[in-house]
Structures are given as structure tokens and as C-alpha cells.
N, C-alpha and C. Protein backbone atom coordinates (compact mmCIF):
# COMPACT_ATOMS: atom_id res chain seq x y z
N MET A 1 -17.09 -2.30 -9.90
CA MET A 1 -15.79 -2.48 -9.30
C MET A 1 -14.96 -1.22 -9.50
N GLN A 2 -14.19 -0.85 -8.48
CA GLN A 2 -13.27 0.27 -8.54
C GLN A 2 -11.89 -0.19 -8.14
N THR A 3 -10.91 0.70 -8.34
CA THR A 3 -9.52 0.37 -8.02
C THR A 3 -8.89 1.48 -7.20
N ALA A 4 -8.12 1.07 -6.19
CA ALA A 4 -7.36 1.99 -5.36
C ALA A 4 -5.89 1.58 -5.42
N TYR A 5 -5.00 2.56 -5.27
CA TYR A 5 -3.56 2.30 -5.27
C TYR A 5 -2.96 2.98 -4.04
N PHE A 6 -2.47 2.15 -3.10
CA PHE A 6 -1.92 2.66 -1.85
C PHE A 6 -0.49 2.17 -1.66
N ALA A 7 0.37 3.08 -1.21
CA ALA A 7 1.74 2.74 -0.84
C ALA A 7 1.88 2.99 0.64
N GLY A 8 2.14 1.94 1.39
CA GLY A 8 2.25 2.06 2.84
C GLY A 8 3.43 1.28 3.37
N GLY A 9 4.58 1.48 2.76
CA GLY A 9 5.76 0.72 3.14
C GLY A 9 5.81 -0.58 2.36
N CYS A 10 6.25 -1.62 3.00
CA CYS A 10 6.35 -2.93 2.36
C CYS A 10 4.97 -3.41 1.90
N PHE A 11 4.86 -3.74 0.62
CA PHE A 11 3.54 -4.16 0.13
C PHE A 11 3.09 -5.48 0.71
N TRP A 12 4.01 -6.31 1.20
CA TRP A 12 3.62 -7.57 1.83
C TRP A 12 2.75 -7.30 3.06
N CYS A 13 3.11 -6.26 3.81
CA CYS A 13 2.39 -5.95 5.06
C CYS A 13 0.96 -5.49 4.79
N ILE A 14 0.81 -4.53 3.88
CA ILE A 14 -0.54 -4.03 3.68
C ILE A 14 -1.40 -5.00 2.88
N GLU A 15 -0.76 -5.81 2.01
CA GLU A 15 -1.53 -6.82 1.29
C GLU A 15 -2.19 -7.79 2.27
N ALA A 16 -1.43 -8.24 3.26
CA ALA A 16 -1.95 -9.23 4.21
C ALA A 16 -3.16 -8.69 4.97
N ILE A 17 -3.18 -7.39 5.22
CA ILE A 17 -4.32 -6.81 5.92
C ILE A 17 -5.50 -6.61 4.98
N PHE A 18 -5.25 -6.05 3.81
CA PHE A 18 -6.36 -5.81 2.88
C PHE A 18 -6.99 -7.11 2.38
N GLN A 19 -6.27 -8.23 2.46
CA GLN A 19 -6.88 -9.52 2.13
C GLN A 19 -7.99 -9.87 3.10
N ARG A 20 -7.98 -9.25 4.25
CA ARG A 20 -8.95 -9.55 5.29
C ARG A 20 -10.06 -8.51 5.40
N VAL A 21 -10.16 -7.64 4.40
CA VAL A 21 -11.16 -6.58 4.39
C VAL A 21 -12.32 -6.98 3.48
N ASN A 22 -13.52 -7.00 4.04
CA ASN A 22 -14.70 -7.33 3.24
C ASN A 22 -14.90 -6.31 2.12
N GLY A 23 -15.21 -6.80 0.95
CA GLY A 23 -15.43 -5.94 -0.21
C GLY A 23 -14.24 -5.85 -1.13
N VAL A 24 -13.07 -6.28 -0.64
CA VAL A 24 -11.88 -6.32 -1.50
C VAL A 24 -11.98 -7.56 -2.37
N LEU A 25 -11.93 -7.35 -3.67
CA LEU A 25 -12.10 -8.46 -4.62
C LEU A 25 -10.79 -9.07 -5.07
N SER A 26 -9.78 -8.23 -5.31
CA SER A 26 -8.47 -8.75 -5.71
C SER A 26 -7.40 -7.74 -5.37
N LEU A 27 -6.19 -8.25 -5.23
CA LEU A 27 -5.04 -7.42 -4.87
C LEU A 27 -3.87 -7.78 -5.77
N ALA A 28 -3.02 -6.80 -6.02
CA ALA A 28 -1.77 -7.04 -6.74
C ALA A 28 -0.70 -6.14 -6.15
N SER A 29 0.38 -6.75 -5.70
CA SER A 29 1.52 -5.97 -5.24
C SER A 29 2.30 -5.52 -6.47
N GLY A 30 2.82 -4.31 -6.41
CA GLY A 30 3.56 -3.81 -7.56
C GLY A 30 4.28 -2.52 -7.27
N TYR A 31 4.66 -1.85 -8.34
CA TYR A 31 5.47 -0.64 -8.27
C TYR A 31 4.80 0.43 -9.12
N CYS A 32 4.84 1.68 -8.65
CA CYS A 32 4.26 2.72 -9.50
C CYS A 32 4.94 4.06 -9.34
N ASN A 33 4.71 4.86 -10.37
CA ASN A 33 5.09 6.26 -10.45
C ASN A 33 6.59 6.52 -10.33
N GLY A 34 7.38 5.67 -10.94
CA GLY A 34 8.82 5.91 -11.01
C GLY A 34 9.26 6.12 -12.44
N THR A 35 10.57 6.11 -12.64
CA THR A 35 11.11 6.39 -13.97
C THR A 35 11.61 5.15 -14.71
N THR A 36 11.88 4.08 -13.99
CA THR A 36 12.39 2.86 -14.61
C THR A 36 11.23 2.07 -15.22
N LYS A 37 11.34 1.73 -16.50
CA LYS A 37 10.30 0.92 -17.14
C LYS A 37 10.46 -0.53 -16.74
N ASN A 38 9.33 -1.18 -16.42
CA ASN A 38 9.31 -2.59 -16.02
C ASN A 38 10.39 -2.91 -14.98
N PRO A 39 10.36 -2.22 -13.84
CA PRO A 39 11.42 -2.42 -12.85
C PRO A 39 11.37 -3.80 -12.21
N THR A 40 12.53 -4.23 -11.75
CA THR A 40 12.62 -5.47 -10.98
C THR A 40 12.66 -5.10 -9.49
N TYR A 41 12.43 -6.08 -8.66
CA TYR A 41 12.49 -5.85 -7.22
C TYR A 41 13.86 -5.34 -6.81
N GLN A 42 14.91 -5.86 -7.43
CA GLN A 42 16.26 -5.43 -7.11
C GLN A 42 16.44 -3.94 -7.44
N GLU A 43 15.87 -3.49 -8.55
CA GLU A 43 15.95 -2.07 -8.91
C GLU A 43 15.15 -1.22 -7.93
N ILE A 44 14.02 -1.72 -7.48
CA ILE A 44 13.22 -1.00 -6.50
C ILE A 44 14.00 -0.87 -5.19
N CYS A 45 14.59 -1.98 -4.74
CA CYS A 45 15.33 -1.98 -3.48
C CYS A 45 16.54 -1.06 -3.52
N ALA A 46 17.13 -0.88 -4.69
CA ALA A 46 18.29 0.02 -4.82
C ALA A 46 17.88 1.47 -4.56
N GLY A 47 16.58 1.77 -4.72
CA GLY A 47 16.07 3.09 -4.41
C GLY A 47 16.25 4.14 -5.48
N ASP A 48 16.70 3.73 -6.66
CA ASP A 48 16.96 4.71 -7.73
C ASP A 48 15.88 4.78 -8.79
N SER A 49 14.87 3.92 -8.71
CA SER A 49 13.86 3.86 -9.77
C SER A 49 12.78 4.93 -9.63
N GLY A 50 12.63 5.48 -8.44
CA GLY A 50 11.57 6.45 -8.18
C GLY A 50 10.23 5.83 -7.86
N HIS A 51 10.11 4.51 -8.05
CA HIS A 51 8.84 3.82 -7.80
C HIS A 51 8.61 3.63 -6.30
N ALA A 52 7.35 3.51 -5.95
CA ALA A 52 6.94 3.12 -4.60
C ALA A 52 6.43 1.69 -4.67
N GLU A 53 6.61 0.95 -3.58
CA GLU A 53 5.95 -0.35 -3.46
C GLU A 53 4.48 -0.05 -3.20
N VAL A 54 3.61 -0.60 -4.04
CA VAL A 54 2.20 -0.23 -4.03
C VAL A 54 1.32 -1.47 -4.02
N LEU A 55 0.16 -1.32 -3.42
CA LEU A 55 -0.85 -2.35 -3.47
C LEU A 55 -2.00 -1.85 -4.33
N LYS A 56 -2.29 -2.57 -5.39
CA LYS A 56 -3.46 -2.28 -6.24
C LYS A 56 -4.62 -3.07 -5.66
N ILE A 57 -5.70 -2.36 -5.34
CA ILE A 57 -6.85 -2.97 -4.68
C ILE A 57 -8.08 -2.80 -5.56
N GLU A 58 -8.63 -3.90 -6.00
CA GLU A 58 -9.90 -3.86 -6.71
C GLU A 58 -10.98 -4.20 -5.70
N PHE A 59 -12.01 -3.34 -5.64
CA PHE A 59 -13.03 -3.50 -4.60
C PHE A 59 -14.43 -3.26 -5.14
N ASP A 60 -15.36 -3.84 -4.43
CA ASP A 60 -16.78 -3.69 -4.75
C ASP A 60 -17.34 -2.54 -3.92
N GLU A 61 -17.63 -1.42 -4.60
CA GLU A 61 -18.08 -0.23 -3.89
C GLU A 61 -19.46 -0.40 -3.25
N THR A 62 -20.17 -1.48 -3.56
CA THR A 62 -21.43 -1.73 -2.86
C THR A 62 -21.17 -2.37 -1.49
N GLN A 63 -19.95 -2.86 -1.27
CA GLN A 63 -19.58 -3.47 0.01
C GLN A 63 -18.67 -2.60 0.85
N ILE A 64 -17.81 -1.83 0.20
CA ILE A 64 -16.89 -0.95 0.92
C ILE A 64 -16.60 0.25 0.03
N SER A 65 -16.57 1.41 0.64
CA SER A 65 -16.32 2.62 -0.14
C SER A 65 -14.82 2.92 -0.21
N TYR A 66 -14.47 3.78 -1.13
CA TYR A 66 -13.08 4.23 -1.23
C TYR A 66 -12.67 4.94 0.06
N ALA A 67 -13.57 5.73 0.62
CA ALA A 67 -13.28 6.43 1.87
C ALA A 67 -13.00 5.43 3.00
N GLU A 68 -13.76 4.34 3.04
CA GLU A 68 -13.52 3.31 4.06
C GLU A 68 -12.17 2.63 3.85
N LEU A 69 -11.81 2.38 2.59
CA LEU A 69 -10.49 1.81 2.30
C LEU A 69 -9.38 2.75 2.75
N LEU A 70 -9.56 4.05 2.49
CA LEU A 70 -8.58 5.03 2.97
C LEU A 70 -8.45 4.97 4.49
N GLY A 71 -9.58 4.77 5.17
CA GLY A 71 -9.55 4.65 6.62
C GLY A 71 -8.73 3.47 7.08
N VAL A 72 -8.85 2.34 6.39
CA VAL A 72 -8.03 1.17 6.70
C VAL A 72 -6.56 1.50 6.43
N PHE A 73 -6.30 2.11 5.31
CA PHE A 73 -4.93 2.45 4.90
C PHE A 73 -4.20 3.27 5.97
N VAL A 74 -4.84 4.29 6.51
CA VAL A 74 -4.13 5.14 7.47
C VAL A 74 -3.98 4.47 8.84
N VAL A 75 -4.74 3.40 9.09
CA VAL A 75 -4.60 2.65 10.34
C VAL A 75 -3.47 1.62 10.24
N VAL A 76 -3.23 1.07 9.06
CA VAL A 76 -2.32 -0.06 8.94
C VAL A 76 -0.87 0.34 8.62
N HIS A 77 -0.61 1.64 8.52
CA HIS A 77 0.76 2.11 8.36
C HIS A 77 0.85 3.48 9.03
N ASP A 78 2.04 4.05 9.06
CA ASP A 78 2.22 5.35 9.70
C ASP A 78 2.29 6.44 8.64
N PRO A 79 1.21 7.20 8.46
CA PRO A 79 1.19 8.25 7.44
C PRO A 79 2.04 9.47 7.80
N THR A 80 2.64 9.47 9.00
CA THR A 80 3.49 10.58 9.42
C THR A 80 4.98 10.27 9.30
N SER A 81 5.31 9.11 8.78
CA SER A 81 6.71 8.69 8.67
C SER A 81 7.18 8.90 7.23
N LEU A 82 8.18 9.74 7.05
CA LEU A 82 8.68 10.08 5.73
C LEU A 82 9.63 9.01 5.22
N ASN A 83 9.25 8.38 4.12
CA ASN A 83 10.10 7.40 3.42
C ASN A 83 10.58 6.26 4.32
N GLN A 84 9.73 5.86 5.24
CA GLN A 84 10.10 4.77 6.14
C GLN A 84 8.86 4.20 6.80
N GLN A 85 8.82 2.88 6.90
CA GLN A 85 7.82 2.18 7.69
C GLN A 85 8.57 1.11 8.46
N GLY A 86 8.66 1.29 9.77
CA GLY A 86 9.44 0.36 10.58
C GLY A 86 10.89 0.40 10.16
N ALA A 87 11.46 -0.79 9.93
CA ALA A 87 12.87 -0.88 9.54
C ALA A 87 13.07 -0.66 8.04
N ASP A 88 11.99 -0.61 7.27
CA ASP A 88 12.09 -0.41 5.82
C ASP A 88 12.26 1.08 5.54
N MET A 89 13.42 1.42 4.93
CA MET A 89 13.73 2.83 4.68
C MET A 89 14.03 3.07 3.21
N GLY A 90 13.60 4.23 2.72
CA GLY A 90 13.85 4.63 1.34
C GLY A 90 12.57 5.12 0.70
N THR A 91 12.71 5.84 -0.39
CA THR A 91 11.53 6.41 -1.04
C THR A 91 10.59 5.35 -1.57
N GLN A 92 11.09 4.15 -1.81
CA GLN A 92 10.23 3.07 -2.28
C GLN A 92 9.23 2.64 -1.20
N TYR A 93 9.49 3.03 0.05
CA TYR A 93 8.60 2.69 1.17
C TYR A 93 7.78 3.88 1.64
N ARG A 94 7.68 4.91 0.80
CA ARG A 94 6.95 6.11 1.19
C ARG A 94 5.46 5.83 1.34
N SER A 95 4.83 6.70 2.09
CA SER A 95 3.38 6.66 2.24
C SER A 95 2.79 7.47 1.09
N ALA A 96 1.89 6.84 0.33
CA ALA A 96 1.32 7.54 -0.83
C ALA A 96 -0.02 6.96 -1.21
N VAL A 97 -0.85 7.84 -1.75
CA VAL A 97 -2.11 7.47 -2.38
C VAL A 97 -1.98 7.92 -3.82
N PHE A 98 -2.16 6.99 -4.74
CA PHE A 98 -2.12 7.31 -6.17
C PHE A 98 -3.56 7.22 -6.67
N TYR A 99 -4.12 8.37 -6.97
CA TYR A 99 -5.54 8.43 -7.32
C TYR A 99 -5.76 8.29 -8.82
N THR A 100 -6.98 7.86 -9.16
CA THR A 100 -7.34 7.66 -10.56
C THR A 100 -8.38 8.65 -11.05
N ASP A 101 -8.98 9.41 -10.12
CA ASP A 101 -9.95 10.43 -10.53
C ASP A 101 -10.02 11.51 -9.46
N SER A 102 -10.75 12.58 -9.76
CA SER A 102 -10.80 13.74 -8.85
C SER A 102 -11.49 13.40 -7.54
N LYS A 103 -12.46 12.51 -7.55
CA LYS A 103 -13.14 12.13 -6.31
C LYS A 103 -12.17 11.42 -5.36
N GLN A 104 -11.37 10.49 -5.90
CA GLN A 104 -10.36 9.83 -5.06
C GLN A 104 -9.37 10.86 -4.51
N ARG A 105 -8.94 11.79 -5.36
CA ARG A 105 -8.00 12.81 -4.91
C ARG A 105 -8.59 13.63 -3.77
N GLU A 106 -9.82 14.06 -3.92
CA GLU A 106 -10.48 14.89 -2.90
C GLU A 106 -10.63 14.13 -1.58
N LEU A 107 -11.05 12.88 -1.65
CA LEU A 107 -11.22 12.08 -0.43
C LEU A 107 -9.88 11.85 0.26
N ALA A 108 -8.86 11.52 -0.52
CA ALA A 108 -7.54 11.28 0.06
C ALA A 108 -6.98 12.56 0.67
N GLN A 109 -7.09 13.66 -0.04
CA GLN A 109 -6.56 14.92 0.46
C GLN A 109 -7.25 15.33 1.76
N SER A 110 -8.56 15.18 1.81
CA SER A 110 -9.31 15.54 3.00
C SER A 110 -8.87 14.71 4.21
N LEU A 111 -8.72 13.41 4.01
CA LEU A 111 -8.31 12.54 5.11
C LEU A 111 -6.88 12.86 5.56
N ILE A 112 -5.96 12.95 4.63
CA ILE A 112 -4.56 13.19 4.97
C ILE A 112 -4.41 14.55 5.64
N ASP A 113 -5.14 15.55 5.17
CA ASP A 113 -5.08 16.87 5.79
C ASP A 113 -5.56 16.85 7.24
N SER A 114 -6.38 15.87 7.61
CA SER A 114 -6.91 15.80 8.97
C SER A 114 -5.94 15.10 9.93
N ILE A 115 -4.84 14.56 9.41
CA ILE A 115 -3.88 13.83 10.25
C ILE A 115 -2.69 14.73 10.54
N LYS A 116 -2.52 15.07 11.79
CA LYS A 116 -1.42 15.95 12.19
C LYS A 116 -0.07 15.31 11.84
N GLY A 117 0.74 16.05 11.11
CA GLY A 117 2.08 15.58 10.77
C GLY A 117 2.14 14.61 9.60
N ALA A 118 1.03 14.40 8.92
CA ALA A 118 1.02 13.45 7.80
C ALA A 118 1.94 13.91 6.68
N VAL A 119 2.67 12.97 6.12
CA VAL A 119 3.57 13.24 4.99
C VAL A 119 3.17 12.41 3.77
N THR A 120 2.00 11.85 3.81
CA THR A 120 1.52 10.99 2.73
C THR A 120 1.42 11.77 1.42
N GLU A 121 2.08 11.24 0.40
CA GLU A 121 2.02 11.82 -0.93
C GLU A 121 0.66 11.51 -1.55
N ILE A 122 0.08 12.47 -2.22
CA ILE A 122 -1.16 12.25 -2.96
C ILE A 122 -0.89 12.69 -4.39
N SER A 123 -0.84 11.73 -5.28
CA SER A 123 -0.45 11.99 -6.67
C SER A 123 -1.32 11.20 -7.62
N PRO A 124 -1.47 11.70 -8.85
CA PRO A 124 -2.20 10.91 -9.85
C PRO A 124 -1.41 9.65 -10.19
N LEU A 125 -2.11 8.57 -10.43
CA LEU A 125 -1.46 7.34 -10.87
C LEU A 125 -0.89 7.58 -12.26
N ASP A 126 0.38 7.31 -12.42
CA ASP A 126 1.04 7.46 -13.70
C ASP A 126 1.17 6.09 -14.38
N VAL A 127 1.81 5.17 -13.67
CA VAL A 127 2.05 3.84 -14.22
C VAL A 127 2.09 2.84 -13.07
N PHE A 128 1.62 1.63 -13.33
CA PHE A 128 1.66 0.56 -12.33
C PHE A 128 2.21 -0.68 -12.99
N TYR A 129 3.21 -1.28 -12.37
CA TYR A 129 3.78 -2.55 -12.83
C TYR A 129 3.54 -3.60 -11.76
N VAL A 130 3.01 -4.73 -12.14
CA VAL A 130 2.80 -5.83 -11.19
C VAL A 130 4.17 -6.39 -10.80
N ALA A 131 4.35 -6.60 -9.50
CA ALA A 131 5.60 -7.16 -8.99
C ALA A 131 5.71 -8.64 -9.37
N GLU A 132 6.88 -9.16 -9.21
CA GLU A 132 7.16 -10.56 -9.50
C GLU A 132 6.20 -11.47 -8.75
N ASP A 133 5.94 -12.64 -9.32
CA ASP A 133 4.95 -13.58 -8.76
C ASP A 133 5.17 -13.89 -7.29
N TYR A 134 6.42 -14.04 -6.86
CA TYR A 134 6.66 -14.45 -5.47
C TYR A 134 6.27 -13.37 -4.46
N HIS A 135 5.98 -12.15 -4.92
CA HIS A 135 5.52 -11.09 -4.02
C HIS A 135 4.00 -11.15 -3.80
N GLN A 136 3.30 -11.83 -4.66
CA GLN A 136 1.84 -11.89 -4.57
C GLN A 136 1.43 -12.90 -3.49
N ASN A 137 0.47 -12.51 -2.67
CA ASN A 137 -0.04 -13.39 -1.61
C ASN A 137 1.08 -13.82 -0.66
N TYR A 138 2.03 -12.93 -0.43
CA TYR A 138 3.26 -13.29 0.26
C TYR A 138 3.04 -13.84 1.66
N PHE A 139 2.30 -13.14 2.48
CA PHE A 139 2.11 -13.60 3.84
C PHE A 139 1.44 -14.97 3.88
N ASN A 140 0.37 -15.13 3.12
CA ASN A 140 -0.36 -16.40 3.15
C ASN A 140 0.50 -17.56 2.67
N ASP A 141 1.40 -17.29 1.75
CA ASP A 141 2.27 -18.36 1.23
C ASP A 141 3.52 -18.59 2.06
N ASN A 142 3.85 -17.67 2.97
CA ASN A 142 5.12 -17.73 3.70
C ASN A 142 4.95 -17.43 5.18
N GLN A 143 3.87 -17.88 5.77
CA GLN A 143 3.55 -17.50 7.15
C GLN A 143 4.62 -17.87 8.16
N ASN A 144 5.43 -18.87 7.88
CA ASN A 144 6.45 -19.30 8.84
C ASN A 144 7.77 -18.55 8.69
N GLN A 145 7.89 -17.70 7.68
CA GLN A 145 9.11 -16.91 7.51
C GLN A 145 9.23 -15.93 8.68
N PRO A 146 10.46 -15.70 9.16
CA PRO A 146 10.64 -14.78 10.28
C PRO A 146 10.02 -13.39 10.05
N TYR A 147 10.17 -12.81 8.85
CA TYR A 147 9.60 -11.49 8.59
C TYR A 147 8.09 -11.52 8.75
N CYS A 148 7.47 -12.58 8.28
CA CYS A 148 6.02 -12.70 8.40
C CYS A 148 5.59 -12.80 9.85
N GLN A 149 6.32 -13.59 10.63
CA GLN A 149 5.98 -13.78 12.04
C GLN A 149 6.26 -12.54 12.88
N MET A 150 7.37 -11.87 12.62
CA MET A 150 7.81 -10.77 13.47
C MET A 150 7.27 -9.40 13.05
N VAL A 151 6.97 -9.23 11.77
CA VAL A 151 6.56 -7.91 11.29
C VAL A 151 5.10 -7.90 10.82
N ILE A 152 4.74 -8.84 9.95
CA ILE A 152 3.42 -8.80 9.35
C ILE A 152 2.33 -9.28 10.30
N LEU A 153 2.54 -10.41 10.96
CA LEU A 153 1.52 -10.97 11.84
C LEU A 153 1.08 -9.99 12.94
N PRO A 154 2.00 -9.30 13.61
CA PRO A 154 1.56 -8.32 14.61
C PRO A 154 0.70 -7.20 14.00
N LYS A 155 0.99 -6.80 12.78
CA LYS A 155 0.17 -5.76 12.12
C LYS A 155 -1.24 -6.30 11.82
N ILE A 156 -1.31 -7.53 11.38
CA ILE A 156 -2.62 -8.15 11.13
C ILE A 156 -3.41 -8.22 12.42
N ASN A 157 -2.76 -8.71 13.47
CA ASN A 157 -3.44 -8.84 14.77
C ASN A 157 -3.89 -7.48 15.31
N LYS A 158 -3.06 -6.46 15.15
CA LYS A 158 -3.43 -5.12 15.59
C LYS A 158 -4.66 -4.64 14.82
N TYR A 159 -4.67 -4.86 13.52
CA TYR A 159 -5.81 -4.42 12.71
C TYR A 159 -7.09 -5.18 13.11
N LEU A 160 -6.98 -6.50 13.23
CA LEU A 160 -8.16 -7.30 13.54
C LEU A 160 -8.71 -7.04 14.94
N ASN A 161 -7.84 -6.61 15.86
CA ASN A 161 -8.26 -6.37 17.23
C ASN A 161 -8.46 -4.90 17.54
N LYS A 162 -8.59 -4.08 16.51
CA LYS A 162 -8.71 -2.63 16.72
C LYS A 162 -9.96 -2.24 17.47
């Protein structure tokens, strides 16, 4: 098993897609690489903590490679949008790959360098905090919420029908 850390805007959106990727074993929405210790969602939303909303992905490398996960990541968000994904704005919604070893760094850098206009941050993972329980499995638990219907569901459908 390996672990990947991706920030692609709202973690609810990318979590819902990665839940549908074969080889993904578990997911955790959370916050990473900021200055506030044990931040709350309210602190993240204020934009002063330095953290990004991140999805921690544990995966079986015999079923899906890190490079393949990176490929999904760049399809399910806009790697050319600085500190914004859709209506979500602020550094907490930045596009970022937080790597855990040199191989992950090299693969991420190579892919991001191949995307014209990409602004995706590539940084070593410093710290990861799991978000509050209500953020976990958000789409599946709240499918009838307007945000889920209007923002997340179209992204899932786009990914599944690619």
C-alpha cells in the first residue's frame, strides 16, 4: 500500500471521484502544510492557516500506480487555476501535490511540467490533519444537498464519461 496527497480545490469534490477509482483502498479529507496546529474547518475557510484542503489516498500499487492517480488528479480539477477551483477561492483551494518521496516528486513534476499554464504546487508533505468527521464521505452521505447536486455530481459524471 502507498499513500498520495492531492489538493484540488474542495476536498469533497475530489474525494467523490477518487472513491470511484479502482485500486483506491481508503480516503481521508484533511488539511496539510500550513502553520496552524490542529486546524478547524473554520480556520481553514478564513484562509489564514496556510493549509490546503487535501485528500489523503491510500492505494494498492498492484492495481493502480501513483502515475495513474496523478492522471486522474489532473483531469478532475483545473491545474492551471491559481488558488481557485470553480467558485471556491483562496489558498486553501490551491492545486497541489504533496509528495512523500523523490519518486512521487519526480512523477508529479514531470506531469505538471507537461501541462501548459499549470500552477500546481509540488511540495514535500510536512503535516496532515484529518478533517472533521462530517467532511468524510461527504458526497455519499449528502447526495441531495444542493452543492452535491450542482457541483460534485457533474464532476463525477464528467469523470465517469470521459
